[in-house]
Amino acid sequence: MVTEEKDSVLYDVHAEVASITMNRPRYRNAQNGRMTYALDDAFKRAVDDDCVKVIVLKGAGRHFSAGHDIGTPGRDINDSQDRKTLWYDHADKTGGEFLYVREAEAYLGMCRRWRDIPKPTIAMVQGACIAGGLMLAWVCDLIVASDDAFFSDPVVRMGIPGVEYFAHPFELHPRIAKEFLFTGERMNAERAYRLGMVNRVCKREELEAETLRLANKVAEMPRLGLALTKQAINNIEDLQGKRTGMEAAYAWHHFAHTHNELETGHKLGGQDAKSMAAKNTEQNKQGI
C-alpha cells in the first residue's frame, strides 16, 4: 500500500501524447490530497513539454474514479499541501472555513486550472465515474468511454447540491441534469453518448486503442490552433454563465456542509464511503 500511495499518479509519453494515470486501483482511484496534487504536477509536466500535443487522463484498474476520498486509509483531508492557488492553508482552520478553503483550492481551483490547460485533454473512462470522478472527466475536452462505464453524482443524498465543479447544466440538458442529481441514478455510457456528454463509446478491450487513435488524430493539428480553438469554446461557455453559475453552486454546496454539521455533527450528513456505496449497490440491484 505504501508503494501505491507513493505512486498515486503515473506519467508516460508516447510520440506526441502524454498519458496521466490515476493509480489507486485498490480504492477505485478515489482522490485524496496526494493524488490531486500529483495530478496537477503531471498536467504541468505535460504542458511544459513541447513534444506533447495531447494529454490523456485515465484510471488504473477496473474503474476510472469513484470520486473524492471519503473513507480510505490514505485519506489526508487534514494535511497541509503545497498549494497551487493563492488560497491560504486550510489545515488549522475550523468550522465552515476548513472545508470551504480546502475545496476552493483542491477541488474547484484545481479543476479550473485543468480545464484551462492550453493543450487538448481526453478522459479515458471505464467502470465507475462517480461524483468527484465526474469533475475529472468534465474538465477534459473529450471523453471516450467503454461500454461498461457509468456516471453518477449521488451527493444529493448527503443534502449537498452536486459536486464542487458544478458543470451539470453544461454537460447535460438542464432537465436531464435535474434527473441526474435528484435520483443519483447511474447513467450508462450509451445514454451519456446520446445526450452529448461522451464523444465515443467502444468495447472495454478497445478503449485504450480507441482513445489513442483519437489523441493521435487531434495531435496532427498545429499546437497554437488547438490552443486557440479550446480557448474560444471555453470562453463561450463562460459567457453563457458557466463560471458565475459555478460560483453560486459552490456557495450553496458549502452552506449544505455547514447545515449538515449543525444538524448531524457530520459535514457529509452522516454518510460515508460504505453507506454511499451500499445505497448505490442497492439501486443497481433494483435496476435503477
C-alpha atoms as a PDB file:
ATOM      1  CA  MET A   1       0.000   0.000   0.000  1.00  0.00           C
ATOM      2  CA  VAL A   2       2.915   2.347   0.661  1.00  0.00           C
ATOM      3  CA  THR A   3       4.052   1.976  -2.954  1.00  0.00           C
ATOM      4  CA  GLU A   4       0.527   2.619  -4.203  1.00  0.00           C
ATOM      5  CA  GLU A   5       0.241   5.792  -2.141  1.00  0.00           C
ATOM      6  CA  LYS A   6       3.704   6.926  -3.237  1.00  0.00           C
ATOM      7  CA  ASP A   7       2.895   6.362  -6.903  1.00  0.00           C
ATOM      8  CA  SER A   8      -0.703   7.542  -6.876  1.00  0.00           C
ATOM      9  CA  VAL A   9      -0.235   9.080 -10.340  1.00  0.00           C
ATOM     10  CA  LEU A  10       1.804   7.627 -13.212  1.00  0.00           C
ATOM     11  CA  TYR A  11       3.121   9.590 -16.196  1.00  0.00           C
ATOM     12  CA  ASP A  12       4.143   8.362 -19.630  1.00  0.00           C
ATOM     13  CA  VAL A  13       4.713   9.900 -23.071  1.00  0.00           C
ATOM     14  CA  HIS A  14       4.391   8.098 -26.380  1.00  0.00           C
ATOM     15  CA  ALA A  15       5.018  10.132 -29.522  1.00  0.00           C
ATOM     16  CA  GLU A  16       3.023  13.356 -29.013  1.00  0.00           C
ATOM     17  CA  VAL A  17       0.587  12.009 -26.406  1.00  0.00           C
ATOM     18  CA  ALA A  18       1.127  12.165 -22.641  1.00  0.00           C
ATOM     19  CA  SER A  19      -0.788   9.650 -20.519  1.00  0.00           C
ATOM     20  CA  ILE A  20      -1.582  10.531 -16.907  1.00  0.00           C
ATOM     21  CA  THR A  21      -2.856   7.574 -14.890  1.00  0.00           C
ATOM     22  CA  MET A  22      -4.583   7.695 -11.512  1.00  0.00           C
ATOM     23  CA  ASN A  23      -3.037   4.762  -9.677  1.00  0.00           C
ATOM     24  CA  ARG A  24      -5.086   3.868  -6.614  1.00  0.00           C
ATOM     25  CA  PRO A  25      -6.968   0.901  -8.131  1.00  0.00           C
ATOM     26  CA  ARG A  26      -7.426  -0.751  -4.726  1.00  0.00           C
ATOM     27  CA  TYR A  27      -9.677   2.194  -3.802  1.00  0.00           C
ATOM     28  CA  ARG A  28     -11.223   2.648  -7.256  1.00  0.00           C
ATOM     29  CA  ASN A  29      -8.945   5.657  -7.763  1.00  0.00           C
ATOM     30  CA  ALA A  30     -10.578   7.691  -5.010  1.00  0.00           C
ATOM     31  CA  GLN A  31      -8.925  11.109  -4.974  1.00  0.00           C
ATOM     32  CA  ASN A  32      -7.080  12.055  -1.815  1.00  0.00           C
ATOM     33  CA  GLY A  33      -4.942  15.175  -1.486  1.00  0.00           C
ATOM     34  CA  ARG A  34      -1.790  13.359  -2.512  1.00  0.00           C
ATOM     35  CA  MET A  35      -3.368  12.232  -5.772  1.00  0.00           C
ATOM     36  CA  THR A  36      -4.868  15.645  -6.520  1.00  0.00           C
ATOM     37  CA  TYR A  37      -1.562  17.457  -6.215  1.00  0.00           C
ATOM     38  CA  ALA A  38       0.259  14.692  -8.092  1.00  0.00           C
ATOM     39  CA  LEU A  39      -2.260  15.107 -10.926  1.00  0.00           C
ATOM     40  CA  ASP A  40      -1.516  18.822 -11.005  1.00  0.00           C
ATOM     41  CA  ASP A  41       2.223  18.133 -11.202  1.00  0.00           C
ATOM     42  CA  ALA A  42       1.657  15.675 -14.062  1.00  0.00           C
ATOM     43  CA  PHE A  43      -0.549  18.094 -16.007  1.00  0.00           C
ATOM     44  CA  LYS A  44       2.075  20.820 -15.614  1.00  0.00           C
ATOM     45  CA  ARG A  45       4.765  18.416 -16.791  1.00  0.00           C
ATOM     46  CA  ALA A  46       2.755  17.698 -19.935  1.00  0.00           C
ATOM     47  CA  VAL A  47       2.095  21.396 -20.560  1.00  0.00           C
ATOM     48  CA  ASP A  48       5.795  22.227 -20.171  1.00  0.00           C
ATOM     49  CA  ASP A  49       6.884  19.533 -22.657  1.00  0.00           C
ATOM     50  CA  ASP A  50       6.779  20.988 -26.172  1.00  0.00           C
ATOM     51  CA  CYS A  51       6.803  17.475 -27.625  1.00  0.00           C
ATOM     52  CA  VAL A  52       3.396  16.779 -26.056  1.00  0.00           C
ATOM     53  CA  LYS A  53       0.389  17.869 -28.141  1.00  0.00           C
ATOM     54  CA  VAL A  54      -2.433  15.954 -26.382  1.00  0.00           C
ATOM     55  CA  ILE A  55      -2.964  14.728 -22.816  1.00  0.00           C
ATOM     56  CA  VAL A  56      -4.924  11.582 -21.894  1.00  0.00           C
ATOM     57  CA  LEU A  57      -6.259  11.135 -18.345  1.00  0.00           C
ATOM     58  CA  LYS A  58      -7.112   7.596 -17.248  1.00  0.00           C
ATOM     59  CA  GLY A  59      -7.549   5.383 -14.205  1.00  0.00           C
ATOM     60  CA  ALA A  60      -5.720   2.164 -13.408  1.00  0.00           C
ATOM     61  CA  GLY A  61      -7.743  -0.983 -12.805  1.00  0.00           C
ATOM     62  CA  ARG A  62     -11.463  -1.596 -13.244  1.00  0.00           C
ATOM     63  CA  HIS A  63     -12.666   1.969 -12.639  1.00  0.00           C
ATOM     64  CA  PHE A  64     -11.868   5.497 -13.768  1.00  0.00           C
ATOM     65  CA  SER A  65     -12.609   7.094 -10.378  1.00  0.00           C
ATOM     66  CA  ALA A  66     -15.095   6.592  -7.565  1.00  0.00           C
ATOM     67  CA  GLY A  67     -14.745  10.257  -6.610  1.00  0.00           C
ATOM     68  CA  HIS A  68     -13.285  12.087  -3.645  1.00  0.00           C
ATOM     69  CA  ASP A  69     -11.690  10.034  -0.900  1.00  0.00           C
ATOM     70  CA  ILE A  70     -14.169   9.970   1.973  1.00  0.00           C
ATOM     71  CA  GLY A  71     -13.045   6.779   3.665  1.00  0.00           C
ATOM     72  CA  THR A  72      -9.773   5.076   2.652  1.00  0.00           C
ATOM     73  CA  PRO A  73      -6.728   4.663   4.926  1.00  0.00           C
ATOM     74  CA  GLY A  74      -4.972   7.218   2.718  1.00  0.00           C
ATOM     75  CA  ARG A  75      -7.488   9.992   3.314  1.00  0.00           C
ATOM     76  CA  ASP A  76      -5.465  13.105   4.112  1.00  0.00           C
ATOM     77  CA  ILE A  77      -8.061  15.855   4.370  1.00  0.00           C
ATOM     78  CA  ASN A  78      -6.437  17.316   7.496  1.00  0.00           C
ATOM     79  CA  ASP A  79      -2.968  17.628   5.968  1.00  0.00           C
ATOM     80  CA  SER A  80      -1.411  20.826   4.661  1.00  0.00           C
ATOM     81  CA  GLN A  81      -0.446  20.748   0.997  1.00  0.00           C
ATOM     82  CA  ASP A  82       1.920  22.663  -1.256  1.00  0.00           C
ATOM     83  CA  ARG A  83      -0.845  24.910  -2.539  1.00  0.00           C
ATOM     84  CA  LYS A  84      -1.162  25.868  -6.200  1.00  0.00           C
ATOM     85  CA  THR A  85      -3.501  28.859  -5.880  1.00  0.00           C
ATOM     86  CA  LEU A  86      -3.366  31.860  -3.562  1.00  0.00           C
ATOM     87  CA  TRP A  87      -5.816  30.409  -1.041  1.00  0.00           C
ATOM     88  CA  TYR A  88      -4.307  30.123   2.438  1.00  0.00           C
ATOM     89  CA  ASP A  89      -3.818  26.830   4.290  1.00  0.00           C
ATOM     90  CA  HIS A  90      -6.971  25.064   5.479  1.00  0.00           C
ATOM     91  CA  ALA A  91      -5.415  22.578   7.908  1.00  0.00           C
ATOM     92  CA  ASP A  92      -5.503  24.743  11.039  1.00  0.00           C
ATOM     93  CA  LYS A  93      -8.941  26.244  10.375  1.00  0.00           C
ATOM     94  CA  THR A  94     -12.263  25.319  11.983  1.00  0.00           C
ATOM     95  CA  GLY A  95     -15.971  25.429  11.194  1.00  0.00           C
ATOM     96  CA  GLY A  96     -17.157  26.113   7.680  1.00  0.00           C
ATOM     97  CA  GLU A  97     -13.838  27.775   6.833  1.00  0.00           C
ATOM     98  CA  PHE A  98     -11.983  24.429   6.953  1.00  0.00           C
ATOM     99  CA  LEU A  99     -13.770  22.786   4.006  1.00  0.00           C
ATOM    100  CA  TYR A 100     -14.535  25.998   2.116  1.00  0.00           C
ATOM    101  CA  VAL A 101     -10.854  26.907   1.854  1.00  0.00           C
ATOM    102  CA  ARG A 102      -9.651  23.360   1.152  1.00  0.00           C
ATOM    103  CA  GLU A 103     -12.173  22.752  -1.605  1.00  0.00           C
ATOM    104  CA  ALA A 104     -11.684  26.193  -3.143  1.00  0.00           C
ATOM    105  CA  GLU A 105      -8.069  25.139  -3.656  1.00  0.00           C
ATOM    106  CA  ALA A 106      -8.081  21.377  -4.156  1.00  0.00           C
ATOM    107  CA  TYR A 107     -11.399  20.867  -5.951  1.00  0.00           C
ATOM    108  CA  LEU A 108     -12.838  23.961  -7.622  1.00  0.00           C
ATOM    109  CA  GLY A 109      -9.478  25.683  -8.048  1.00  0.00           C
ATOM    110  CA  MET A 110      -7.680  22.642  -9.416  1.00  0.00           C
ATOM    111  CA  CYS A 111     -10.488  21.769 -11.820  1.00  0.00           C
ATOM    112  CA  ARG A 112     -10.477  25.269 -13.235  1.00  0.00           C
ATOM    113  CA  ARG A 113      -6.706  25.113 -13.693  1.00  0.00           C
ATOM    114  CA  TRP A 114      -7.006  21.825 -15.561  1.00  0.00           C
ATOM    115  CA  ARG A 115      -9.918  22.984 -17.720  1.00  0.00           C
ATOM    116  CA  ASP A 116      -7.762  25.905 -18.887  1.00  0.00           C
ATOM    117  CA  ILE A 117      -4.794  23.752 -19.911  1.00  0.00           C
ATOM    118  CA  PRO A 118      -3.915  25.041 -23.414  1.00  0.00           C
ATOM    119  CA  LYS A 119      -3.449  21.538 -24.804  1.00  0.00           C
ATOM    120  CA  PRO A 120      -6.364  19.220 -25.673  1.00  0.00           C
ATOM    121  CA  THR A 121      -7.204  16.726 -22.928  1.00  0.00           C
ATOM    122  CA  ILE A 122      -9.066  13.421 -23.280  1.00  0.00           C
ATOM    123  CA  ALA A 123     -10.615  11.419 -20.441  1.00  0.00           C
ATOM    124  CA  MET A 124     -10.488   7.658 -20.960  1.00  0.00           C
ATOM    125  CA  VAL A 125     -13.324   6.339 -18.782  1.00  0.00           C
ATOM    126  CA  GLN A 126     -14.055   2.759 -17.780  1.00  0.00           C
ATOM    127  CA  GLY A 127     -16.238   1.436 -14.973  1.00  0.00           C
ATOM    128  CA  ALA A 128     -17.223   3.950 -12.314  1.00  0.00           C
ATOM    129  CA  CYS A 129     -17.068   7.701 -12.856  1.00  0.00           C
ATOM    130  CA  ILE A 130     -18.786   8.964  -9.716  1.00  0.00           C
ATOM    131  CA  ALA A 131     -19.099  12.442  -8.149  1.00  0.00           C
ATOM    132  CA  GLY A 132     -15.503  13.759  -7.973  1.00  0.00           C
ATOM    133  CA  GLY A 133     -14.702  11.424 -10.864  1.00  0.00           C
ATOM    134  CA  LEU A 134     -17.143  13.422 -12.975  1.00  0.00           C
ATOM    135  CA  MET A 135     -15.160  16.552 -12.223  1.00  0.00           C
ATOM    136  CA  LEU A 136     -12.010  14.948 -13.607  1.00  0.00           C
ATOM    137  CA  ALA A 137     -13.761  13.749 -16.760  1.00  0.00           C
ATOM    138  CA  TRP A 138     -15.671  17.005 -17.270  1.00  0.00           C
ATOM    139  CA  VAL A 139     -12.582  19.238 -17.212  1.00  0.00           C
ATOM    140  CA  CYS A 140     -11.273  17.265 -20.181  1.00  0.00           C
ATOM    141  CA  ASP A 141     -12.130  18.421 -23.697  1.00  0.00           C
ATOM    142  CA  LEU A 142     -13.177  14.994 -24.942  1.00  0.00           C
ATOM    143  CA  ILE A 143     -14.423  11.815 -23.239  1.00  0.00           C
ATOM    144  CA  VAL A 144     -14.018   8.285 -24.609  1.00  0.00           C
ATOM    145  CA  ALA A 145     -15.902   5.681 -22.568  1.00  0.00           C
ATOM    146  CA  SER A 146     -16.017   1.912 -22.511  1.00  0.00           C
ATOM    147  CA  ASP A 147     -19.415   0.277 -22.904  1.00  0.00           C
ATOM    148  CA  ASP A 148     -19.358  -0.725 -19.216  1.00  0.00           C
ATOM    149  CA  ALA A 149     -18.714   2.818 -17.963  1.00  0.00           C
ATOM    150  CA  PHE A 150     -21.303   4.585 -15.834  1.00  0.00           C
ATOM    151  CA  PHE A 151     -21.643   8.102 -14.472  1.00  0.00           C
ATOM    152  CA  SER A 152     -23.399   9.365 -11.340  1.00  0.00           C
ATOM    153  CA  ASP A 153     -23.436  12.194  -8.822  1.00  0.00           C
ATOM    154  CA  PRO A 154     -25.247  10.826  -5.750  1.00  0.00           C
ATOM    155  CA  VAL A 155     -24.179  13.528  -3.266  1.00  0.00           C
ATOM    156  CA  VAL A 156     -27.698  14.976  -3.027  1.00  0.00           C
ATOM    157  CA  ARG A 157     -28.132  12.028  -0.646  1.00  0.00           C
ATOM    158  CA  MET A 158     -25.837  14.000   1.671  1.00  0.00           C
ATOM    159  CA  GLY A 159     -28.076  17.039   1.314  1.00  0.00           C
ATOM    160  CA  ILE A 160     -25.452  18.641  -0.961  1.00  0.00           C
ATOM    161  CA  PRO A 161     -26.395  20.089  -4.391  1.00  0.00           C
ATOM    162  CA  GLY A 162     -23.842  18.248  -6.504  1.00  0.00           C
ATOM    163  CA  VAL A 163     -20.064  18.260  -6.618  1.00  0.00           C
ATOM    164  CA  GLU A 164     -17.971  21.412  -6.301  1.00  0.00           C
ATOM    165  CA  TYR A 165     -17.176  21.816 -10.005  1.00  0.00           C
ATOM    166  CA  PHE A 166     -20.845  22.232 -10.864  1.00  0.00           C
ATOM    167  CA  ALA A 167     -20.847  21.695 -14.630  1.00  0.00           C
ATOM    168  CA  HIS A 168     -24.017  19.572 -14.746  1.00  0.00           C
ATOM    169  CA  PRO A 169     -26.250  22.005 -16.713  1.00  0.00           C
ATOM    170  CA  PHE A 170     -23.494  22.418 -19.314  1.00  0.00           C
ATOM    171  CA  GLU A 171     -22.669  18.735 -19.661  1.00  0.00           C
ATOM    172  CA  LEU A 172     -26.383  17.816 -19.811  1.00  0.00           C
ATOM    173  CA  HIS A 173     -29.676  19.460 -20.706  1.00  0.00           C
ATOM    174  CA  PRO A 174     -30.945  21.186 -17.513  1.00  0.00           C
ATOM    175  CA  ARG A 175     -33.911  18.810 -17.220  1.00  0.00           C
ATOM    176  CA  ILE A 176     -31.610  15.800 -17.540  1.00  0.00           C
ATOM    177  CA  ALA A 177     -29.184  17.374 -15.068  1.00  0.00           C
ATOM    178  CA  LYS A 178     -32.029  17.643 -12.545  1.00  0.00           C
ATOM    179  CA  GLU A 179     -32.948  13.986 -13.026  1.00  0.00           C
ATOM    180  CA  PHE A 180     -29.283  13.015 -12.723  1.00  0.00           C
ATOM    181  CA  LEU A 181     -28.987  14.823  -9.373  1.00  0.00           C
ATOM    182  CA  PHE A 182     -32.481  14.262  -7.947  1.00  0.00           C
ATOM    183  CA  THR A 183     -32.238  10.478  -8.319  1.00  0.00           C
ATOM    184  CA  GLY A 184     -28.497   9.827  -8.042  1.00  0.00           C
ATOM    185  CA  GLU A 185     -29.041   7.069 -10.606  1.00  0.00           C
ATOM    186  CA  ARG A 186     -26.282   5.705 -12.779  1.00  0.00           C
ATOM    187  CA  MET A 187     -26.158   6.902 -16.365  1.00  0.00           C
ATOM    188  CA  ASN A 188     -24.656   4.296 -18.676  1.00  0.00           C
ATOM    189  CA  ALA A 189     -22.171   5.151 -21.388  1.00  0.00           C
ATOM    190  CA  GLU A 190     -24.665   4.741 -24.225  1.00  0.00           C
ATOM    191  CA  ARG A 191     -27.104   7.246 -22.744  1.00  0.00           C
ATOM    192  CA  ALA A 192     -24.249   9.640 -21.940  1.00  0.00           C
ATOM    193  CA  TYR A 193     -23.213   9.409 -25.597  1.00  0.00           C
ATOM    194  CA  ARG A 194     -26.756  10.053 -26.864  1.00  0.00           C
ATOM    195  CA  LEU A 195     -27.027  13.099 -24.593  1.00  0.00           C
ATOM    196  CA  GLY A 196     -23.713  14.526 -25.795  1.00  0.00           C
ATOM    197  CA  MET A 197     -21.688  14.112 -22.597  1.00  0.00           C
ATOM    198  CA  VAL A 198     -19.424  11.466 -24.142  1.00  0.00           C
ATOM    199  CA  ASN A 199     -17.737  11.654 -27.561  1.00  0.00           C
ATOM    200  CA  ARG A 200     -17.193   7.968 -28.279  1.00  0.00           C
ATOM    201  CA  VAL A 201     -18.167   4.598 -26.778  1.00  0.00           C
ATOM    202  CA  CYS A 202     -16.340   1.365 -27.502  1.00  0.00           C
ATOM    203  CA  LYS A 203     -15.807  -2.092 -26.077  1.00  0.00           C
ATOM    204  CA  ARG A 204     -13.729  -2.259 -22.906  1.00  0.00           C
ATOM    205  CA  GLU A 205     -10.910  -4.172 -24.610  1.00  0.00           C
ATOM    206  CA  GLU A 206     -10.713  -1.493 -27.337  1.00  0.00           C
ATOM    207  CA  LEU A 207     -10.805   1.537 -25.026  1.00  0.00           C
ATOM    208  CA  GLU A 208      -7.112   2.346 -24.874  1.00  0.00           C
ATOM    209  CA  ALA A 209      -6.545   1.853 -28.599  1.00  0.00           C
ATOM    210  CA  GLU A 210      -9.605   3.956 -29.492  1.00  0.00           C
ATOM    211  CA  THR A 211      -8.534   6.742 -27.137  1.00  0.00           C
ATOM    212  CA  LEU A 212      -5.010   6.786 -28.560  1.00  0.00           C
ATOM    213  CA  ARG A 213      -6.375   6.830 -32.127  1.00  0.00           C
ATOM    214  CA  LEU A 214      -8.385   9.919 -31.265  1.00  0.00           C
ATOM    215  CA  ALA A 215      -5.466  11.536 -29.434  1.00  0.00           C
ATOM    216  CA  ASN A 216      -3.107  10.947 -32.348  1.00  0.00           C
ATOM    217  CA  LYS A 217      -5.681  12.363 -34.778  1.00  0.00           C
ATOM    218  CA  VAL A 218      -6.005  15.535 -32.694  1.00  0.00           C
ATOM    219  CA  ALA A 219      -2.204  15.756 -32.419  1.00  0.00           C
ATOM    220  CA  GLU A 220      -1.977  16.195 -36.207  1.00  0.00           C
ATOM    221  CA  MET A 221      -3.317  19.746 -35.789  1.00  0.00           C
ATOM    222  CA  PRO A 222      -0.969  22.696 -35.105  1.00  0.00           C
ATOM    223  CA  ARG A 223      -0.416  23.356 -31.405  1.00  0.00           C
ATOM    224  CA  LEU A 224      -1.433  27.029 -31.434  1.00  0.00           C
ATOM    225  CA  GLY A 225      -4.552  26.302 -33.483  1.00  0.00           C
ATOM    226  CA  LEU A 226      -5.640  23.736 -30.898  1.00  0.00           C
ATOM    227  CA  ALA A 227      -4.935  26.101 -28.000  1.00  0.00           C
ATOM    228  CA  LEU A 228      -6.856  28.999 -29.539  1.00  0.00           C
ATOM    229  CA  THR A 229      -9.813  26.809 -30.514  1.00  0.00           C
ATOM    230  CA  LYS A 230     -10.053  25.439 -26.986  1.00  0.00           C
ATOM    231  CA  GLN A 231      -9.811  28.959 -25.563  1.00  0.00           C
ATOM    232  CA  ALA A 232     -12.566  30.204 -27.859  1.00  0.00           C
ATOM    233  CA  ILE A 233     -15.042  27.455 -26.911  1.00  0.00           C
ATOM    234  CA  ASN A 234     -14.277  27.685 -23.180  1.00  0.00           C
ATOM    235  CA  ASN A 235     -14.844  31.442 -23.402  1.00  0.00           C
ATOM    236  CA  ILE A 236     -18.281  30.920 -24.964  1.00  0.00           C
ATOM    237  CA  GLU A 237     -19.228  28.569 -22.125  1.00  0.00           C
ATOM    238  CA  ASP A 238     -18.189  31.189 -19.602  1.00  0.00           C
ATOM    239  CA  LEU A 239     -20.166  33.894 -21.420  1.00  0.00           C
ATOM    240  CA  GLN A 240     -23.172  31.570 -21.138  1.00  0.00           C
ATOM    241  CA  GLY A 241     -22.733  31.597 -17.362  1.00  0.00           C
ATOM    242  CA  LYS A 242     -20.646  28.530 -16.585  1.00  0.00           C
ATOM    243  CA  ARG A 243     -18.170  30.266 -14.296  1.00  0.00           C
ATOM    244  CA  THR A 244     -20.647  32.534 -12.489  1.00  0.00           C
ATOM    245  CA  GLY A 245     -23.166  29.720 -12.073  1.00  0.00           C
ATOM    246  CA  MET A 246     -20.455  27.528 -10.611  1.00  0.00           C
ATOM    247  CA  GLU A 247     -19.582  30.242  -8.062  1.00  0.00           C
ATOM    248  CA  ALA A 248     -23.168  30.298  -6.806  1.00  0.00           C
ATOM    249  CA  ALA A 249     -23.417  26.497  -6.695  1.00  0.00           C
ATOM    250  CA  TYR A 250     -20.135  26.351  -4.769  1.00  0.00           C
ATOM    251  CA  ALA A 251     -21.545  28.675  -2.104  1.00  0.00           C
ATOM    252  CA  TRP A 252     -24.714  26.564  -1.792  1.00  0.00           C
ATOM    253  CA  HIS A 253     -22.549  23.439  -1.602  1.00  0.00           C
ATOM    254  CA  HIS A 254     -20.790  24.853   1.458  1.00  0.00           C
ATOM    255  CA  PHE A 255     -23.951  26.090   3.072  1.00  0.00           C
ATOM    256  CA  ALA A 256     -25.063  22.433   2.893  1.00  0.00           C
ATOM    257  CA  HIS A 257     -21.835  21.232   4.550  1.00  0.00           C
ATOM    258  CA  THR A 258     -22.320  23.684   7.411  1.00  0.00           C
ATOM    259  CA  HIS A 259     -26.011  22.858   7.775  1.00  0.00           C
ATOM    260  CA  ASN A 260     -25.144  19.147   7.927  1.00  0.00           C
ATOM    261  CA  GLU A 261     -22.615  19.743  10.680  1.00  0.00           C
ATOM    262  CA  LEU A 262     -25.090  21.778  12.729  1.00  0.00           C
ATOM    263  CA  GLU A 263     -27.846  19.198  12.303  1.00  0.00           C
ATOM    264  CA  THR A 264     -25.914  15.933  12.475  1.00  0.00           C
ATOM    265  CA  GLY A 265     -22.407  16.795  13.656  1.00  0.00           C
ATOM    266  CA  HIS A 266     -21.090  15.475  10.320  1.00  0.00           C
ATOM    267  CA  LYS A 267     -20.217  17.585   7.259  1.00  0.00           C
ATOM    268  CA  LEU A 268     -21.460  14.839   4.932  1.00  0.00           C
ATOM    269  CA  GLY A 269     -24.811  14.442   6.655  1.00  0.00           C
ATOM    270  CA  GLY A 270     -23.764  11.219   8.371  1.00  0.00           C
ATOM    271  CA  GLN A 271     -22.858   9.495   5.114  1.00  0.00           C
ATOM    272  CA  ASP A 272     -19.536   7.789   4.468  1.00  0.00           C
ATOM    273  CA  ALA A 273     -17.968   5.757   1.679  1.00  0.00           C
ATOM    274  CA  LYS A 274     -19.561   2.492   2.847  1.00  0.00           C
ATOM    275  CA  SER A 275     -23.096   3.834   3.222  1.00  0.00           C
ATOM    276  CA  MET A 276     -22.963   5.625  -0.121  1.00  0.00           C
ATOM    277  CA  ALA A 277     -21.599   2.546  -1.868  1.00  0.00           C
ATOM    278  CA  ALA A 278     -24.252   0.350  -0.230  1.00  0.00           C
ATOM    279  CA  LYS A 279     -27.068   2.595  -1.424  1.00  0.00           C
ATOM    280  CA  ASN A 280     -25.633   2.751  -4.934  1.00  0.00           C
ATOM    281  CA  THR A 281     -25.332  -1.031  -4.988  1.00  0.00           C
ATOM    282  CA  GLU A 282     -28.933  -1.374  -3.812  1.00  0.00           C
ATOM    283  CA  GLN A 283     -30.126   0.881  -6.618  1.00  0.00           C
ATOM    284  CA  ASN A 284     -28.124  -1.110  -9.149  1.00  0.00           C
ATOM    285  CA  LYS A 285     -29.627  -4.432  -7.991  1.00  0.00           C
ATOM    286  CA  GLN A 286     -33.088  -2.922  -8.360  1.00  0.00           C
ATOM    287  CA  GLY A 287     -32.229  -1.976 -11.933  1.00  0.00           C
ATOM    288  CA  ILE A 288     -32.445   1.709 -11.161  1.00  0.00           C
END
